[in-house]
Amino acid sequence: MRINVVFIPVANAALGRDDRTQIERTIRKHALRAAHLLRLREKIITFSVHPHWWEWGGSAESKEWIRLRMPLRWKSQQHCSEYLEKRLPSAVYHEMHHLARRDVFSPEKTYPPHTLINSLVSEGLATVFEQEQLPGYQPKYGRYQRRVIHTWLPAVRREKWSRNYDYLAWFHGKGKPRWLGYKIGTYIIDHVKARHPRRTARTLARESVRNILKLSGVKL
């Protein structure tokens, strides 16, 4: 597999040659590791790196393209180190898991539909995969309180197979708690792992949503 890294030029982005080299090296290292763990077979995967005011994150755009956001500039050397050592690798693992699960913004005809429950489970798996590959690291969107999750489970039950759910509401806080969808998904996968300790986000990457829900014991 070949990993391409393309930097999108952005005005006022303070990104030196050394930064680009480190970012490229980090992406390639963790993307190749993720591809091996997840048994991805694409010949080429391209990462486009976009300096952005919204500091970091990413999206799986298609089966061979991942878009990553990074800070416009470093606030400090510590900020730079944290991004390169934790935040960038976590984003790479997260989005690579989406490729394995075929959960992308531009799906092929044979890919699973974008229903609410598919999206919840996919985000939960990708978040837990990050944690498995980066021991001791837990992204903010993967931290949850059980009482909050239990409050929203009835709403999930009503809408779980809908393809017209409000993505911004469930995942980015438009009228609901911020990152709610990520937290519910992580909660579901944590339940699977608690009940079946040998299961991991890696081994569950291609498991059906219905079977994952069954394994979790979460009543949805």
N, C-alpha and C. Protein backbone atom coordinates (compact mmCIF):
# COMPACT_ATOMS: atom_id res chain seq x y z
N MET A 1 0.84 -1.20 0.00
CA MET A 1 0.00 0.00 0.00
C MET A 1 0.88 1.25 0.00
N ARG A 2 0.43 2.26 -0.75
CA ARG A 2 1.15 3.54 -0.75
C ARG A 2 0.29 4.58 -0.06
N ILE A 3 0.90 5.37 0.82
CA ILE A 3 0.21 6.46 1.51
C ILE A 3 0.69 7.77 0.91
N ASN A 4 -0.22 8.51 0.29
CA ASN A 4 0.09 9.84 -0.23
C ASN A 4 -0.33 10.89 0.79
N VAL A 5 0.47 11.91 0.96
CA VAL A 5 0.13 13.02 1.86
C VAL A 5 0.21 14.31 1.05
N VAL A 6 -0.91 15.02 0.97
CA VAL A 6 -0.99 16.26 0.19
C VAL A 6 -1.34 17.40 1.14
N PHE A 7 -0.55 18.45 1.14
CA PHE A 7 -0.80 19.61 1.99
C PHE A 7 -1.56 20.67 1.19
N ILE A 8 -2.71 21.08 1.72
CA ILE A 8 -3.51 22.11 1.06
C ILE A 8 -2.97 23.48 1.47
N PRO A 9 -2.53 24.32 0.52
CA PRO A 9 -2.01 25.64 0.89
C PRO A 9 -3.10 26.54 1.44
N VAL A 10 -2.83 27.15 2.59
CA VAL A 10 -3.78 28.04 3.24
C VAL A 10 -3.05 29.30 3.68
N ALA A 11 -3.61 30.46 3.35
CA ALA A 11 -2.99 31.73 3.75
C ALA A 11 -2.91 31.83 5.27
N ASN A 12 -1.82 32.36 5.76
CA ASN A 12 -1.59 32.59 7.19
C ASN A 12 -1.34 31.32 8.00
N ALA A 13 -1.17 30.19 7.33
CA ALA A 13 -0.85 28.96 8.05
C ALA A 13 0.66 28.87 8.21
N ALA A 14 1.11 28.84 9.47
CA ALA A 14 2.55 28.82 9.75
C ALA A 14 3.03 27.37 9.78
N LEU A 15 3.39 26.84 8.63
CA LEU A 15 3.79 25.45 8.53
C LEU A 15 5.13 25.37 7.80
N GLY A 16 6.19 25.10 8.56
CA GLY A 16 7.52 25.05 7.97
C GLY A 16 7.84 23.69 7.37
N ARG A 17 8.99 23.62 6.71
CA ARG A 17 9.39 22.37 6.06
C ARG A 17 9.55 21.24 7.08
N ASP A 18 10.13 21.55 8.22
CA ASP A 18 10.30 20.52 9.25
C ASP A 18 8.95 20.02 9.75
N ASP A 19 8.00 20.94 9.90
CA ASP A 19 6.64 20.54 10.32
C ASP A 19 6.04 19.57 9.31
N ARG A 20 6.13 19.92 8.05
CA ARG A 20 5.55 19.08 6.99
C ARG A 20 6.18 17.69 7.00
N THR A 21 7.50 17.65 7.18
CA THR A 21 8.21 16.36 7.20
C THR A 21 7.74 15.51 8.36
N GLN A 22 7.62 16.12 9.54
CA GLN A 22 7.16 15.37 10.72
C GLN A 22 5.74 14.89 10.57
N ILE A 23 4.88 15.75 10.05
CA ILE A 23 3.47 15.38 9.87
C ILE A 23 3.35 14.24 8.86
N GLU A 24 4.08 14.35 7.75
CA GLU A 24 4.05 13.30 6.73
C GLU A 24 4.53 11.97 7.30
N ARG A 25 5.63 12.02 8.02
CA ARG A 25 6.20 10.80 8.60
C ARG A 25 5.23 10.16 9.60
N THR A 26 4.58 11.00 10.41
CA THR A 26 3.63 10.49 11.41
C THR A 26 2.41 9.85 10.75
N ILE A 27 1.88 10.51 9.73
CA ILE A 27 0.72 9.96 9.03
C ILE A 27 1.06 8.61 8.41
N ARG A 28 2.18 8.54 7.70
CA ARG A 28 2.56 7.30 7.01
C ARG A 28 2.76 6.16 8.02
N LYS A 29 3.45 6.45 9.10
CA LYS A 29 3.73 5.42 10.10
C LYS A 29 2.44 4.81 10.64
N HIS A 30 1.51 5.65 11.08
CA HIS A 30 0.31 5.14 11.73
C HIS A 30 -0.72 4.64 10.71
N ALA A 31 -0.75 5.22 9.53
CA ALA A 31 -1.67 4.74 8.50
C ALA A 31 -1.29 3.34 8.04
N LEU A 32 -0.01 3.09 7.86
CA LEU A 32 0.44 1.76 7.45
C LEU A 32 0.18 0.73 8.54
N ARG A 33 0.37 1.14 9.78
CA ARG A 33 0.09 0.22 10.89
C ARG A 33 -1.41 -0.10 10.95
N ALA A 34 -2.24 0.93 10.81
CA ALA A 34 -3.69 0.73 10.83
C ALA A 34 -4.13 -0.15 9.67
N ALA A 35 -3.56 0.08 8.49
CA ALA A 35 -3.92 -0.71 7.31
C ALA A 35 -3.60 -2.18 7.53
N HIS A 36 -2.47 -2.45 8.16
CA HIS A 36 -2.09 -3.84 8.45
C HIS A 36 -3.04 -4.46 9.46
N LEU A 37 -3.34 -3.75 10.54
CA LEU A 37 -4.21 -4.28 11.59
C LEU A 37 -5.63 -4.53 11.07
N LEU A 38 -6.10 -3.64 10.19
CA LEU A 38 -7.48 -3.71 9.70
C LEU A 38 -7.60 -4.46 8.38
N ARG A 39 -6.48 -4.94 7.86
CA ARG A 39 -6.46 -5.72 6.61
C ARG A 39 -7.08 -4.95 5.44
N LEU A 40 -6.68 -3.70 5.31
CA LEU A 40 -7.15 -2.89 4.18
C LEU A 40 -6.37 -3.28 2.92
N ARG A 41 -7.06 -3.29 1.79
CA ARG A 41 -6.45 -3.78 0.56
C ARG A 41 -6.31 -2.71 -0.53
N GLU A 42 -6.68 -1.48 -0.25
CA GLU A 42 -6.52 -0.43 -1.26
C GLU A 42 -5.03 -0.25 -1.61
N LYS A 43 -4.74 0.00 -2.87
CA LYS A 43 -3.34 0.18 -3.28
C LYS A 43 -2.80 1.53 -2.85
N ILE A 44 -3.67 2.55 -2.85
CA ILE A 44 -3.25 3.91 -2.51
C ILE A 44 -4.31 4.53 -1.61
N ILE A 45 -3.87 5.18 -0.54
CA ILE A 45 -4.76 6.00 0.28
C ILE A 45 -4.13 7.38 0.38
N THR A 46 -4.91 8.39 0.04
CA THR A 46 -4.41 9.77 0.06
C THR A 46 -4.96 10.52 1.26
N PHE A 47 -4.07 11.17 1.99
CA PHE A 47 -4.44 12.06 3.08
C PHE A 47 -4.24 13.50 2.61
N SER A 48 -5.28 14.30 2.66
CA SER A 48 -5.12 15.73 2.41
C SER A 48 -5.11 16.45 3.75
N VAL A 49 -4.09 17.26 3.97
CA VAL A 49 -3.90 17.95 5.25
C VAL A 49 -4.25 19.41 5.08
N HIS A 50 -5.23 19.86 5.85
CA HIS A 50 -5.80 21.20 5.68
C HIS A 50 -5.66 22.00 6.97
N PRO A 51 -4.72 22.96 7.02
CA PRO A 51 -4.65 23.85 8.20
C PRO A 51 -5.96 24.59 8.37
N HIS A 52 -6.47 24.64 9.59
CA HIS A 52 -7.83 25.09 9.81
C HIS A 52 -7.95 25.72 11.19
N TRP A 53 -8.87 26.66 11.33
CA TRP A 53 -9.08 27.26 12.65
C TRP A 53 -9.64 26.24 13.62
N TRP A 54 -10.41 25.27 13.10
CA TRP A 54 -10.92 24.20 13.95
C TRP A 54 -9.78 23.21 14.07
N GLU A 55 -9.12 23.20 15.22
CA GLU A 55 -7.77 22.70 15.34
C GLU A 55 -7.46 21.35 14.71
N TRP A 56 -8.26 20.35 14.97
CA TRP A 56 -7.85 19.03 14.50
C TRP A 56 -9.06 18.14 14.31
N GLY A 57 -8.85 17.05 13.62
CA GLY A 57 -9.93 16.11 13.34
C GLY A 57 -9.78 15.59 11.93
N GLY A 58 -10.81 14.95 11.43
CA GLY A 58 -10.71 14.42 10.09
C GLY A 58 -12.03 13.87 9.60
N SER A 59 -12.03 13.39 8.38
CA SER A 59 -13.21 12.76 7.81
C SER A 59 -12.76 11.79 6.72
N ALA A 60 -13.43 10.63 6.68
CA ALA A 60 -13.18 9.65 5.62
C ALA A 60 -14.07 10.03 4.44
N GLU A 61 -13.50 10.59 3.41
CA GLU A 61 -14.28 11.12 2.30
C GLU A 61 -14.69 10.04 1.30
N SER A 62 -13.80 9.10 1.04
CA SER A 62 -14.10 7.99 0.14
C SER A 62 -13.21 6.82 0.53
N LYS A 63 -13.31 5.72 -0.19
CA LYS A 63 -12.55 4.53 0.21
C LYS A 63 -11.04 4.72 0.10
N GLU A 64 -10.60 5.77 -0.60
CA GLU A 64 -9.15 5.99 -0.78
C GLU A 64 -8.71 7.41 -0.40
N TRP A 65 -9.60 8.16 0.29
CA TRP A 65 -9.26 9.56 0.59
C TRP A 65 -9.71 9.92 2.01
N ILE A 66 -8.75 10.41 2.80
CA ILE A 66 -9.02 10.91 4.14
C ILE A 66 -8.60 12.36 4.22
N ARG A 67 -9.49 13.21 4.73
CA ARG A 67 -9.18 14.62 4.92
C ARG A 67 -8.85 14.86 6.40
N LEU A 68 -7.72 15.51 6.67
CA LEU A 68 -7.33 15.82 8.05
C LEU A 68 -7.24 17.33 8.23
N ARG A 69 -7.71 17.80 9.39
CA ARG A 69 -7.52 19.20 9.77
C ARG A 69 -6.38 19.27 10.78
N MET A 70 -5.64 20.36 10.75
CA MET A 70 -4.57 20.59 11.73
C MET A 70 -4.56 22.06 12.10
N PRO A 71 -3.90 22.42 13.21
CA PRO A 71 -3.89 23.82 13.64
C PRO A 71 -3.25 24.74 12.59
N LEU A 72 -3.78 25.95 12.51
CA LEU A 72 -3.17 26.95 11.61
C LEU A 72 -1.74 27.27 12.02
N ARG A 73 -1.49 27.25 13.31
CA ARG A 73 -0.14 27.50 13.84
C ARG A 73 -0.03 26.88 15.22
N TRP A 74 1.20 26.63 15.66
CA TRP A 74 1.42 26.05 16.98
C TRP A 74 1.33 27.14 18.04
N LYS A 75 0.62 26.86 19.14
CA LYS A 75 0.55 27.81 20.24
C LYS A 75 1.82 27.77 21.08
N SER A 76 2.47 26.61 21.08
CA SER A 76 3.70 26.42 21.85
C SER A 76 4.34 25.13 21.38
N GLN A 77 5.55 24.86 21.84
CA GLN A 77 6.22 23.61 21.50
C GLN A 77 5.46 22.42 22.07
N GLN A 78 4.87 22.62 23.25
CA GLN A 78 4.08 21.55 23.87
C GLN A 78 2.85 21.23 23.01
N HIS A 79 2.23 22.27 22.49
CA HIS A 79 1.08 22.09 21.60
C HIS A 79 1.47 21.29 20.37
N CYS A 80 2.62 21.61 19.79
CA CYS A 80 3.13 20.90 18.61
C CYS A 80 3.38 19.42 18.95
N SER A 81 4.04 19.17 20.07
CA SER A 81 4.37 17.80 20.47
C SER A 81 3.12 16.99 20.72
N GLU A 82 2.14 17.59 21.39
CA GLU A 82 0.89 16.89 21.68
C GLU A 82 0.16 16.51 20.39
N TYR A 83 0.15 17.44 19.44
CA TYR A 83 -0.51 17.16 18.17
C TYR A 83 0.16 16.00 17.44
N LEU A 84 1.49 16.03 17.34
CA LEU A 84 2.20 15.02 16.58
C LEU A 84 2.21 13.66 17.27
N GLU A 85 2.22 13.65 18.60
CA GLU A 85 2.34 12.39 19.34
C GLU A 85 1.00 11.75 19.63
N LYS A 86 -0.07 12.55 19.76
CA LYS A 86 -1.36 11.98 20.16
C LYS A 86 -2.49 12.33 19.18
N ARG A 87 -2.70 13.62 18.96
CA ARG A 87 -3.88 14.01 18.21
C ARG A 87 -3.84 13.58 16.75
N LEU A 88 -2.72 13.75 16.11
CA LEU A 88 -2.62 13.33 14.70
C LEU A 88 -2.71 11.81 14.57
N PRO A 89 -1.94 11.02 15.34
CA PRO A 89 -2.11 9.57 15.25
C PRO A 89 -3.54 9.12 15.55
N SER A 90 -4.19 9.74 16.53
CA SER A 90 -5.55 9.33 16.88
C SER A 90 -6.50 9.58 15.71
N ALA A 91 -6.35 10.71 15.03
CA ALA A 91 -7.19 11.00 13.87
C ALA A 91 -6.94 10.00 12.74
N VAL A 92 -5.68 9.62 12.55
CA VAL A 92 -5.35 8.65 11.50
C VAL A 92 -6.01 7.31 11.80
N TYR A 93 -5.88 6.82 13.04
CA TYR A 93 -6.49 5.53 13.40
C TYR A 93 -8.01 5.59 13.27
N HIS A 94 -8.59 6.69 13.72
CA HIS A 94 -10.04 6.85 13.67
C HIS A 94 -10.56 6.75 12.23
N GLU A 95 -9.95 7.53 11.34
CA GLU A 95 -10.45 7.57 9.96
C GLU A 95 -10.12 6.29 9.18
N MET A 96 -9.00 5.66 9.50
CA MET A 96 -8.67 4.40 8.84
C MET A 96 -9.68 3.32 9.22
N HIS A 97 -10.16 3.37 10.46
CA HIS A 97 -11.18 2.40 10.87
C HIS A 97 -12.46 2.62 10.06
N HIS A 98 -12.79 3.87 9.79
CA HIS A 98 -13.97 4.14 8.95
C HIS A 98 -13.81 3.51 7.56
N LEU A 99 -12.60 3.55 7.01
CA LEU A 99 -12.38 2.92 5.69
C LEU A 99 -12.63 1.42 5.78
N ALA A 100 -12.14 0.79 6.86
CA ALA A 100 -12.34 -0.65 7.02
C ALA A 100 -13.81 -0.99 7.15
N ARG A 101 -14.56 -0.10 7.79
CA ARG A 101 -15.98 -0.34 8.01
C ARG A 101 -16.83 0.15 6.84
N ARG A 102 -16.19 0.78 5.88
CA ARG A 102 -16.88 1.30 4.68
C ARG A 102 -17.89 2.38 5.07
N ASP A 103 -17.51 3.20 6.03
CA ASP A 103 -18.36 4.31 6.47
C ASP A 103 -17.71 5.61 6.02
N VAL A 104 -18.04 6.04 4.81
CA VAL A 104 -17.40 7.21 4.21
C VAL A 104 -18.47 8.16 3.67
N PHE A 105 -18.07 9.40 3.43
CA PHE A 105 -19.02 10.40 2.96
C PHE A 105 -19.48 10.16 1.52
N SER A 106 -18.65 9.51 0.73
CA SER A 106 -19.03 9.18 -0.66
C SER A 106 -19.01 7.67 -0.82
N PRO A 107 -20.07 7.00 -0.35
CA PRO A 107 -20.07 5.53 -0.33
C PRO A 107 -20.23 4.90 -1.72
N GLU A 108 -19.70 3.70 -1.88
CA GLU A 108 -19.95 2.90 -3.07
C GLU A 108 -21.37 2.31 -2.96
N LYS A 109 -21.87 1.78 -4.06
CA LYS A 109 -23.23 1.24 -4.07
C LYS A 109 -23.43 0.10 -3.07
N THR A 110 -22.39 -0.68 -2.82
CA THR A 110 -22.51 -1.85 -1.94
C THR A 110 -22.26 -1.51 -0.47
N TYR A 111 -21.98 -0.24 -0.16
CA TYR A 111 -21.65 0.13 1.21
C TYR A 111 -22.92 0.22 2.06
N PRO A 112 -22.79 0.04 3.40
CA PRO A 112 -23.96 0.14 4.28
C PRO A 112 -24.59 1.54 4.21
N PRO A 113 -25.91 1.64 4.40
CA PRO A 113 -26.57 2.95 4.37
C PRO A 113 -26.20 3.79 5.58
N HIS A 114 -26.30 5.10 5.43
CA HIS A 114 -26.00 6.01 6.53
C HIS A 114 -27.24 6.17 7.43
N THR A 115 -27.53 5.14 8.20
CA THR A 115 -28.59 5.25 9.20
C THR A 115 -27.98 5.75 10.50
N LEU A 116 -28.82 6.23 11.41
CA LEU A 116 -28.30 6.72 12.68
C LEU A 116 -27.53 5.63 13.41
N ILE A 117 -28.09 4.42 13.51
CA ILE A 117 -27.44 3.38 14.29
C ILE A 117 -26.12 2.95 13.65
N ASN A 118 -26.07 2.91 12.32
CA ASN A 118 -24.80 2.60 11.65
C ASN A 118 -23.74 3.64 11.99
N SER A 119 -24.14 4.90 11.98
CA SER A 119 -23.20 5.97 12.27
C SER A 119 -22.73 5.94 13.73
N LEU A 120 -23.66 5.68 14.65
CA LEU A 120 -23.30 5.60 16.07
C LEU A 120 -22.28 4.49 16.30
N VAL A 121 -22.56 3.31 15.78
CA VAL A 121 -21.67 2.17 15.98
C VAL A 121 -20.33 2.41 15.31
N SER A 122 -20.35 2.97 14.10
CA SER A 122 -19.10 3.22 13.39
C SER A 122 -18.22 4.22 14.13
N GLU A 123 -18.82 5.30 14.64
CA GLU A 123 -18.03 6.29 15.39
C GLU A 123 -17.53 5.70 16.70
N GLY A 124 -18.36 4.87 17.34
CA GLY A 124 -17.91 4.22 18.57
C GLY A 124 -16.73 3.31 18.33
N LEU A 125 -16.81 2.50 17.27
CA LEU A 125 -15.70 1.60 16.94
C LEU A 125 -14.42 2.37 16.61
N ALA A 126 -14.55 3.43 15.82
CA ALA A 126 -13.37 4.21 15.43
C ALA A 126 -12.74 4.87 16.65
N THR A 127 -13.57 5.35 17.58
CA THR A 127 -13.06 6.00 18.79
C THR A 127 -12.34 4.98 19.69
N VAL A 128 -12.94 3.81 19.85
CA VAL A 128 -12.31 2.78 20.68
C VAL A 128 -11.05 2.26 20.02
N PHE A 129 -11.02 2.19 18.69
CA PHE A 129 -9.81 1.76 17.98
C PHE A 129 -8.65 2.72 18.27
N GLU A 130 -8.94 4.02 18.30
CA GLU A 130 -7.91 5.00 18.69
C GLU A 130 -7.33 4.64 20.05
N GLN A 131 -8.22 4.41 21.00
CA GLN A 131 -7.79 4.15 22.38
C GLN A 131 -6.97 2.87 22.48
N GLU A 132 -7.35 1.86 21.69
CA GLU A 132 -6.61 0.61 21.71
C GLU A 132 -5.19 0.78 21.17
N GLN A 133 -5.03 1.63 20.17
CA GLN A 133 -3.72 1.82 19.56
C GLN A 133 -2.86 2.85 20.27
N LEU A 134 -3.48 3.69 21.09
CA LEU A 134 -2.74 4.72 21.83
C LEU A 134 -3.08 4.59 23.31
N PRO A 135 -2.54 3.58 23.99
CA PRO A 135 -2.87 3.33 25.40
C PRO A 135 -2.69 4.57 26.26
N GLY A 136 -3.69 4.82 27.09
CA GLY A 136 -3.64 5.97 27.99
C GLY A 136 -4.24 7.23 27.39
N TYR A 137 -4.55 7.19 26.10
CA TYR A 137 -5.14 8.36 25.44
C TYR A 137 -6.64 8.16 25.29
N GLN A 138 -7.41 9.15 25.70
CA GLN A 138 -8.86 9.09 25.52
C GLN A 138 -9.35 10.42 24.98
N PRO A 139 -9.82 10.44 23.74
CA PRO A 139 -10.31 11.70 23.17
C PRO A 139 -11.53 12.20 23.92
N LYS A 140 -11.74 13.50 23.92
CA LYS A 140 -12.85 14.09 24.66
C LYS A 140 -14.19 13.55 24.20
N TYR A 141 -14.31 13.32 22.90
CA TYR A 141 -15.60 12.87 22.37
C TYR A 141 -15.90 11.41 22.73
N GLY A 142 -14.94 10.71 23.35
CA GLY A 142 -15.18 9.34 23.78
C GLY A 142 -15.48 9.22 25.27
N ARG A 143 -15.49 10.35 25.98
CA ARG A 143 -15.77 10.32 27.42
C ARG A 143 -17.25 10.58 27.64
N TYR A 144 -17.86 9.79 28.49
CA TYR A 144 -19.30 9.94 28.69
C TYR A 144 -19.71 9.65 30.13
N GLN A 145 -20.90 10.13 30.47
CA GLN A 145 -21.54 9.81 31.75
C GLN A 145 -22.73 8.92 31.44
N ARG A 146 -22.84 7.81 32.15
CA ARG A 146 -23.89 6.84 31.87
C ARG A 146 -25.28 7.47 31.97
N ARG A 147 -25.47 8.34 32.94
CA ARG A 147 -26.81 8.92 33.12
C ARG A 147 -27.22 9.75 31.90
N VAL A 148 -26.24 10.41 31.28
CA VAL A 148 -26.55 11.19 30.07
C VAL A 148 -26.89 10.26 28.92
N ILE A 149 -26.10 9.19 28.77
CA ILE A 149 -26.37 8.22 27.71
C ILE A 149 -27.77 7.62 27.87
N HIS A 150 -28.11 7.23 29.10
CA HIS A 150 -29.41 6.61 29.36
C HIS A 150 -30.56 7.57 29.05
N THR A 151 -30.32 8.86 29.25
CA THR A 151 -31.35 9.86 28.95
C THR A 151 -31.69 9.88 27.47
N TRP A 152 -30.68 9.62 26.61
CA TRP A 152 -30.87 9.75 25.17
C TRP A 152 -31.14 8.44 24.44
N LEU A 153 -31.03 7.30 25.13
CA LEU A 153 -31.28 6.02 24.46
C LEU A 153 -32.69 5.90 23.88
N PRO A 154 -33.73 6.39 24.58
CA PRO A 154 -35.07 6.33 23.96
C PRO A 154 -35.15 7.05 22.62
N ALA A 155 -34.45 8.17 22.49
CA ALA A 155 -34.44 8.90 21.21
C ALA A 155 -33.74 8.10 20.13
N VAL A 156 -32.68 7.37 20.52
CA VAL A 156 -32.00 6.50 19.56
C VAL A 156 -32.95 5.41 19.09
N ARG A 157 -33.68 4.80 20.02
CA ARG A 157 -34.62 3.73 19.66
C ARG A 157 -35.63 4.20 18.61
N ARG A 158 -36.11 5.41 18.76
CA ARG A 158 -37.13 5.94 17.85
C ARG A 158 -36.58 6.19 16.45
N GLU A 159 -35.30 6.50 16.38
CA GLU A 159 -34.74 7.00 15.11
C GLU A 159 -33.63 6.13 14.54
N LYS A 160 -33.34 5.01 15.16
CA LYS A 160 -32.09 4.30 14.86
C LYS A 160 -31.93 3.86 13.41
N TRP A 161 -33.02 3.50 12.72
CA TRP A 161 -32.89 3.07 11.34
C TRP A 161 -33.18 4.18 10.33
N SER A 162 -33.30 5.40 10.82
CA SER A 162 -33.58 6.53 9.93
C SER A 162 -32.33 6.91 9.13
N ARG A 163 -32.55 7.21 7.84
CA ARG A 163 -31.47 7.75 7.02
C ARG A 163 -31.52 9.27 6.96
N ASN A 164 -32.54 9.85 7.57
CA ASN A 164 -32.73 11.30 7.53
C ASN A 164 -32.49 11.95 8.89
N TYR A 165 -31.70 11.31 9.71
CA TYR A 165 -31.41 11.88 11.03
C TYR A 165 -30.56 13.14 10.88
N ASP A 166 -30.60 13.98 11.91
CA ASP A 166 -29.85 15.24 11.89
C ASP A 166 -28.42 14.99 12.37
N TYR A 167 -27.50 14.89 11.41
CA TYR A 167 -26.11 14.57 11.74
C TYR A 167 -25.49 15.61 12.67
N LEU A 168 -25.70 16.89 12.37
CA LEU A 168 -25.11 17.94 13.20
C LEU A 168 -25.64 17.90 14.62
N ALA A 169 -26.90 17.54 14.78
CA ALA A 169 -27.48 17.46 16.12
C ALA A 169 -26.89 16.29 16.91
N TRP A 170 -26.84 15.12 16.29
CA TRP A 170 -26.37 13.94 17.01
C TRP A 170 -24.86 13.93 17.26
N PHE A 171 -24.10 14.53 16.37
CA PHE A 171 -22.64 14.40 16.49
C PHE A 171 -21.91 15.70 16.81
N HIS A 172 -22.54 16.85 16.59
CA HIS A 172 -21.82 18.10 16.79
C HIS A 172 -22.58 19.14 17.60
N GLY A 173 -23.53 18.70 18.40
CA GLY A 173 -24.11 19.57 19.42
C GLY A 173 -25.13 20.57 18.96
N LYS A 174 -25.78 20.37 17.83
CA LYS A 174 -26.82 21.28 17.38
C LYS A 174 -28.15 20.88 18.05
N GLY A 175 -28.40 21.42 19.25
CA GLY A 175 -29.62 21.10 19.98
C GLY A 175 -29.51 19.88 20.87
N LYS A 176 -28.37 19.20 20.85
CA LYS A 176 -28.11 18.05 21.72
C LYS A 176 -26.72 18.23 22.35
N PRO A 177 -26.41 17.45 23.39
CA PRO A 177 -25.06 17.57 23.97
C PRO A 177 -23.98 17.37 22.92
N ARG A 178 -22.89 18.11 23.05
CA ARG A 178 -21.80 18.02 22.08
C ARG A 178 -21.23 16.60 22.03
N TRP A 179 -21.00 16.12 20.83
CA TRP A 179 -20.39 14.80 20.58
C TRP A 179 -21.26 13.65 21.08
N LEU A 180 -22.55 13.87 21.24
CA LEU A 180 -23.43 12.85 21.80
C LEU A 180 -23.33 11.53 21.03
N GLY A 181 -23.34 11.58 19.70
CA GLY A 181 -23.29 10.37 18.90
C GLY A 181 -22.01 9.57 19.13
N TYR A 182 -20.88 10.27 19.24
CA TYR A 182 -19.62 9.59 19.52
C TYR A 182 -19.67 8.90 20.88
N LYS A 183 -20.24 9.58 21.85
CA LYS A 183 -20.30 9.05 23.21
C LYS A 183 -21.22 7.83 23.29
N ILE A 184 -22.38 7.89 22.63
CA ILE A 184 -23.29 6.74 22.64
C ILE A 184 -22.63 5.56 21.93
N GLY A 185 -21.99 5.83 20.81
CA GLY A 185 -21.30 4.75 20.09
C GLY A 185 -20.20 4.12 20.93
N THR A 186 -19.42 4.94 21.63
CA THR A 186 -18.36 4.43 22.49
C THR A 186 -18.95 3.60 23.63
N TYR A 187 -20.05 4.07 24.18
CA TYR A 187 -20.76 3.34 25.24
C TYR A 187 -21.17 1.95 24.76
N ILE A 188 -21.70 1.85 23.55
CA ILE A 188 -22.11 0.55 23.00
C ILE A 188 -20.91 -0.38 22.86
N ILE A 189 -19.81 0.12 22.30
CA ILE A 189 -18.63 -0.73 22.09
C ILE A 189 -17.99 -1.11 23.42
N ASP A 190 -17.99 -0.21 24.38
CA ASP A 190 -17.47 -0.54 25.71
C ASP A 190 -18.26 -1.70 26.31
N HIS A 191 -19.57 -1.72 26.06
CA HIS A 191 -20.40 -2.82 26.56
C HIS A 191 -20.04 -4.14 25.88
N VAL A 192 -19.78 -4.08 24.58
CA VAL A 192 -19.36 -5.31 23.88
C VAL A 192 -18.08 -5.86 24.51
N LYS A 193 -17.10 -4.99 24.72
CA LYS A 193 -15.81 -5.43 25.24
C LYS A 193 -15.91 -5.92 26.68
N ALA A 194 -16.81 -5.33 27.46
CA ALA A 194 -16.99 -5.77 28.84
C ALA A 194 -17.60 -7.17 28.88
N ARG A 195 -18.52 -7.45 27.97
CA ARG A 195 -19.20 -8.75 27.93
C ARG A 195 -18.40 -9.81 27.18
N HIS A 196 -17.54 -9.35 26.26
CA HIS A 196 -16.75 -10.27 25.42
C HIS A 196 -15.31 -9.74 25.36
N PRO A 197 -14.51 -9.99 26.40
CA PRO A 197 -13.18 -9.38 26.53
C PRO A 197 -12.23 -9.64 25.36
N ARG A 198 -12.46 -10.69 24.60
CA ARG A 198 -11.56 -10.95 23.48
C ARG A 198 -11.89 -10.14 22.23
N ARG A 199 -13.03 -9.49 22.27
CA ARG A 199 -13.43 -8.64 21.14
C ARG A 199 -12.74 -7.29 21.24
N THR A 200 -12.34 -6.76 20.10
CA THR A 200 -11.72 -5.44 20.03
C THR A 200 -12.34 -4.66 18.88
N ALA A 201 -12.05 -3.38 18.83
CA ALA A 201 -12.53 -2.57 17.71
C ALA A 201 -11.95 -3.08 16.39
N ARG A 202 -10.77 -3.64 16.45
CA ARG A 202 -10.16 -4.21 15.23
C ARG A 202 -10.94 -5.43 14.77
N THR A 203 -11.23 -6.37 15.68
CA THR A 203 -11.92 -7.59 15.26
C THR A 203 -13.39 -7.34 14.93
N LEU A 204 -13.93 -6.23 15.41
CA LEU A 204 -15.33 -5.90 15.14
C LEU A 204 -15.51 -5.02 13.90
N ALA A 205 -14.41 -4.70 13.24
CA ALA A 205 -14.45 -3.70 12.16
C ALA A 205 -15.47 -4.04 11.08
N ARG A 206 -15.65 -5.31 10.77
CA ARG A 206 -16.57 -5.70 9.69
C ARG A 206 -17.81 -6.44 10.20
N GLU A 207 -18.03 -6.38 11.50
CA GLU A 207 -19.21 -7.02 12.10
C GLU A 207 -20.45 -6.19 11.79
N SER A 208 -21.58 -6.85 11.59
CA SER A 208 -22.81 -6.13 11.30
C SER A 208 -23.29 -5.35 12.53
N VAL A 209 -24.03 -4.29 12.27
CA VAL A 209 -24.58 -3.47 13.37
C VAL A 209 -25.49 -4.32 14.25
N ARG A 210 -26.32 -5.12 13.65
CA ARG A 210 -27.26 -5.94 14.44
C ARG A 210 -26.51 -6.88 15.37
N ASN A 211 -25.42 -7.47 14.90
CA ASN A 211 -24.67 -8.39 15.75
C ASN A 211 -23.94 -7.65 16.85
N ILE A 212 -23.43 -6.45 16.55
CA ILE A 212 -22.74 -5.66 17.57
C ILE A 212 -23.71 -5.26 18.67
N LEU A 213 -24.92 -4.87 18.29
CA LEU A 213 -25.92 -4.54 19.30
C LEU A 213 -26.26 -5.75 20.16
N LYS A 214 -26.35 -6.91 19.53
CA LYS A 214 -26.63 -8.13 20.27
C LYS A 214 -25.51 -8.44 21.25
N LEU A 215 -24.26 -8.31 20.78
CA LEU A 215 -23.12 -8.57 21.65
C LEU A 215 -23.05 -7.58 22.82
N SER A 216 -23.49 -6.34 22.58
CA SER A 216 -23.40 -5.30 23.61
C SER A 216 -24.39 -5.51 24.74
N GLY A 217 -25.55 -6.07 24.42
CA GLY A 217 -26.61 -6.19 25.43
C GLY A 217 -27.36 -4.89 25.67
N VAL A 218 -26.99 -3.82 24.96
CA VAL A 218 -27.68 -2.54 25.09
C VAL A 218 -29.04 -2.65 24.40
N LYS A 219 -30.10 -2.32 25.10
CA LYS A 219 -31.45 -2.52 24.58
C LYS A 219 -31.85 -1.38 23.63
N LEU A 220 -31.62 -1.62 22.35
CA LEU A 220 -32.01 -0.65 21.34
C LEU A 220 -32.90 -1.33 20.29
